[in-house]
Amino acid sequence: MASITGRTANFLSTRLDPVVRALARNQVRLFRLTHGRLFNKFLRKPALVIDVVGRSSGEPRPVMLMRIERGDDFVVCGSNGGNPRTPNWYRNLQAAGEAFVEIPGERIETTFREVTEADERAECWALLTAGYPDFASYQELTDRVLPIGLLERITA
């Protein structure tokens, strides 16, 4: 059964999307202003900021996401709060194939790949729901299969 916080996030992102976007932009700005020392959590869980090039605008688009790690890489989920539509930032990642990840004290260049193989997807889903249980609620609240991706560090 979907959690109260999962249902609330779903409602907010569905009905009050402009407000949610404004709050997210402000949190990214404050995260960057403090170099990630403050505003580095979302709903008391570790967060990160990604910069991905917009597929239409060609401009960098920052977005704050839950910080779910798998080794040196970052697992991302295009949940959109359980909305019927995949979020723009995820579609931008699919188009760009790369992004920068910011965590406190570090800016990391990454490549993006979608996780489609069943065993790897199950492993990443377990990490996502362990790190932020509301992902399971979001999956329950939508008919689409939530896409999962990996942001893999580029090592020089």
Protein backbone atom coordinates (compact mmCIF):
# COMPACT_ATOMS: atom_id res chain seq x y z
CA MET A 1 0.00 0.00 0.00
CA ALA A 2 1.32 3.45 -0.93
CA SER A 3 2.69 5.44 2.01
CA ILE A 4 1.27 8.75 3.19
CA THR A 5 4.47 10.56 2.17
CA GLY A 6 4.41 8.85 -1.23
CA ARG A 7 0.78 9.84 -1.80
CA THR A 8 1.52 13.40 -0.64
CA ALA A 9 4.48 13.73 -3.02
CA ASN A 10 2.34 12.31 -5.83
CA PHE A 11 -0.43 14.83 -5.10
CA LEU A 12 1.98 17.76 -4.88
CA SER A 13 3.81 16.89 -8.09
CA THR A 14 0.52 16.28 -9.92
CA ARG A 15 -1.56 19.19 -8.66
CA LEU A 16 1.01 21.77 -7.55
CA ASP A 17 3.82 21.17 -10.04
CA PRO A 18 4.80 24.88 -10.44
CA VAL A 19 5.16 25.24 -6.66
CA VAL A 20 7.20 22.03 -6.38
CA ARG A 21 9.48 23.18 -9.23
CA ALA A 22 10.04 26.58 -7.61
CA LEU A 23 10.93 24.97 -4.28
CA ALA A 24 13.32 22.56 -6.02
CA ARG A 25 15.05 25.39 -7.94
CA ASN A 26 15.49 27.28 -4.66
CA GLN A 27 16.97 24.22 -2.93
CA VAL A 28 19.47 23.74 -5.78
CA ARG A 29 20.44 27.42 -5.53
CA LEU A 30 20.97 27.17 -1.77
CA PHE A 31 22.87 23.88 -2.13
CA ARG A 32 25.25 25.56 -4.55
CA LEU A 33 25.52 28.75 -2.53
CA THR A 34 26.75 26.72 0.47
CA HIS A 35 28.85 24.32 -1.67
CA GLY A 36 26.60 21.50 -0.51
CA ARG A 37 27.28 22.01 3.19
CA LEU A 38 23.60 22.91 3.65
CA PHE A 39 20.46 21.88 1.77
CA ASN A 40 22.11 18.58 0.82
CA LYS A 41 19.13 16.52 1.96
CA PHE A 42 15.63 16.07 0.67
CA LEU A 43 13.01 14.76 3.09
CA ARG A 44 15.90 14.03 5.51
CA LYS A 45 17.60 11.77 2.96
CA PRO A 46 20.92 12.51 1.21
CA ALA A 47 20.51 14.32 -2.10
CA LEU A 48 22.66 15.31 -5.06
CA VAL A 49 22.35 17.78 -7.90
CA ILE A 50 22.74 16.79 -11.53
CA ASP A 51 23.29 19.12 -14.45
CA VAL A 52 22.03 17.68 -17.71
CA VAL A 53 21.70 19.46 -21.04
CA GLY A 54 18.09 20.06 -22.06
CA ARG A 55 17.19 18.14 -25.19
CA SER A 56 15.29 21.10 -26.67
CA SER A 57 17.02 24.12 -25.14
CA GLY A 58 20.61 22.91 -25.21
CA GLU A 59 21.00 24.64 -21.82
CA PRO A 60 22.18 22.97 -18.60
CA ARG A 61 19.22 21.96 -16.45
CA PRO A 62 19.94 21.37 -12.76
CA VAL A 63 17.80 19.00 -10.75
CA MET A 64 18.03 17.72 -7.19
CA LEU A 65 17.60 13.97 -6.77
CA MET A 66 17.89 11.39 -4.03
CA ARG A 67 21.49 10.27 -3.56
CA ILE A 68 21.50 6.53 -4.13
CA GLU A 69 24.94 5.05 -4.71
CA ARG A 70 26.07 1.77 -6.19
CA GLY A 71 29.81 1.65 -5.68
CA ASP A 72 31.21 4.77 -7.35
CA ASP A 73 28.09 5.29 -9.46
CA PHE A 74 24.70 6.88 -8.81
CA VAL A 75 21.33 5.20 -9.35
CA VAL A 76 18.49 7.44 -10.56
CA CYS A 77 14.80 6.75 -11.00
CA GLY A 78 12.45 8.67 -13.29
CA SER A 79 9.59 8.37 -10.82
CA ASN A 80 8.11 11.85 -11.20
CA GLY A 81 6.30 11.19 -7.93
CA GLY A 82 4.33 8.39 -9.55
CA ASN A 83 2.89 10.63 -12.26
CA PRO A 84 1.90 9.03 -15.57
CA ARG A 85 4.66 10.92 -17.42
CA THR A 86 8.41 10.33 -17.30
CA PRO A 87 10.08 13.50 -15.93
CA ASN A 88 11.83 15.86 -18.34
CA TRP A 89 15.16 15.55 -16.55
CA TYR A 90 15.16 11.79 -17.19
CA ARG A 91 14.32 12.25 -20.87
CA ASN A 92 17.12 14.84 -21.03
CA LEU A 93 19.53 12.25 -19.60
CA GLN A 94 18.43 9.70 -22.20
CA ALA A 95 19.06 12.23 -24.98
CA ALA A 96 22.34 13.65 -23.63
CA GLY A 97 23.91 10.43 -22.39
CA GLU A 98 25.95 12.35 -19.82
CA ALA A 99 25.62 14.70 -16.87
CA PHE A 100 27.56 16.32 -14.07
CA VAL A 101 26.78 15.19 -10.52
CA GLU A 102 27.36 17.51 -7.57
CA ILE A 103 27.73 16.22 -4.05
CA PRO A 104 29.21 18.20 -1.17
CA GLY A 105 32.77 19.11 -2.14
CA GLU A 106 32.79 17.29 -5.47
CA ARG A 107 31.61 17.77 -9.07
CA ILE A 108 31.71 14.52 -11.04
CA GLU A 109 31.47 13.96 -14.77
CA THR A 110 29.30 10.93 -15.57
CA THR A 111 27.85 8.98 -18.45
CA PHE A 112 24.25 7.81 -18.35
CA ARG A 113 22.84 4.44 -19.22
CA GLU A 114 19.42 2.99 -18.70
CA VAL A 115 19.21 -0.17 -16.60
CA THR A 116 17.18 -2.73 -18.52
CA GLU A 117 18.68 -6.15 -17.71
CA ALA A 118 16.43 -7.87 -15.14
CA ASP A 119 19.04 -8.81 -12.50
CA GLU A 120 20.75 -5.42 -12.56
CA ARG A 121 17.38 -3.66 -12.49
CA ALA A 122 16.32 -5.70 -9.44
CA GLU A 123 19.60 -4.82 -7.69
CA CYS A 124 19.18 -1.11 -8.45
CA TRP A 125 15.50 -1.16 -7.44
CA ALA A 126 16.47 -2.68 -4.09
CA LEU A 127 19.03 0.12 -3.57
CA LEU A 128 16.49 2.79 -4.57
CA THR A 129 13.76 1.56 -2.24
CA ALA A 130 16.21 0.98 0.63
CA GLY A 131 17.49 4.55 0.27
CA TYR A 132 14.08 6.11 -0.29
CA PRO A 133 11.10 3.79 0.35
CA ASP A 134 8.61 6.10 -1.38
CA PHE A 135 9.90 4.91 -4.77
CA ALA A 136 7.81 1.77 -4.12
CA SER A 137 4.77 3.98 -3.48
CA TYR A 138 5.38 5.89 -6.71
CA GLN A 139 5.50 2.63 -8.66
CA GLU A 140 2.23 1.58 -7.05
CA LEU A 141 0.59 4.90 -7.99
CA THR A 142 1.34 4.70 -11.74
CA ASP A 143 0.70 2.28 -14.58
CA ARG A 144 4.09 2.86 -16.20
CA VAL A 145 7.24 0.99 -15.22
CA LEU A 146 9.50 3.54 -13.54
CA PRO A 147 12.73 3.87 -15.52
CA ILE A 148 16.01 3.31 -13.71
CA GLY A 149 19.35 4.67 -14.85
CA LEU A 150 22.97 4.74 -13.78
CA LEU A 151 25.22 7.75 -13.75
CA GLU A 152 28.65 6.18 -14.06
CA ARG A 153 31.75 8.15 -13.13
CA ILE A 154 34.11 8.98 -15.95
CA THR A 155 37.61 8.22 -14.75
CA ALA A 156 40.51 10.00 -16.38
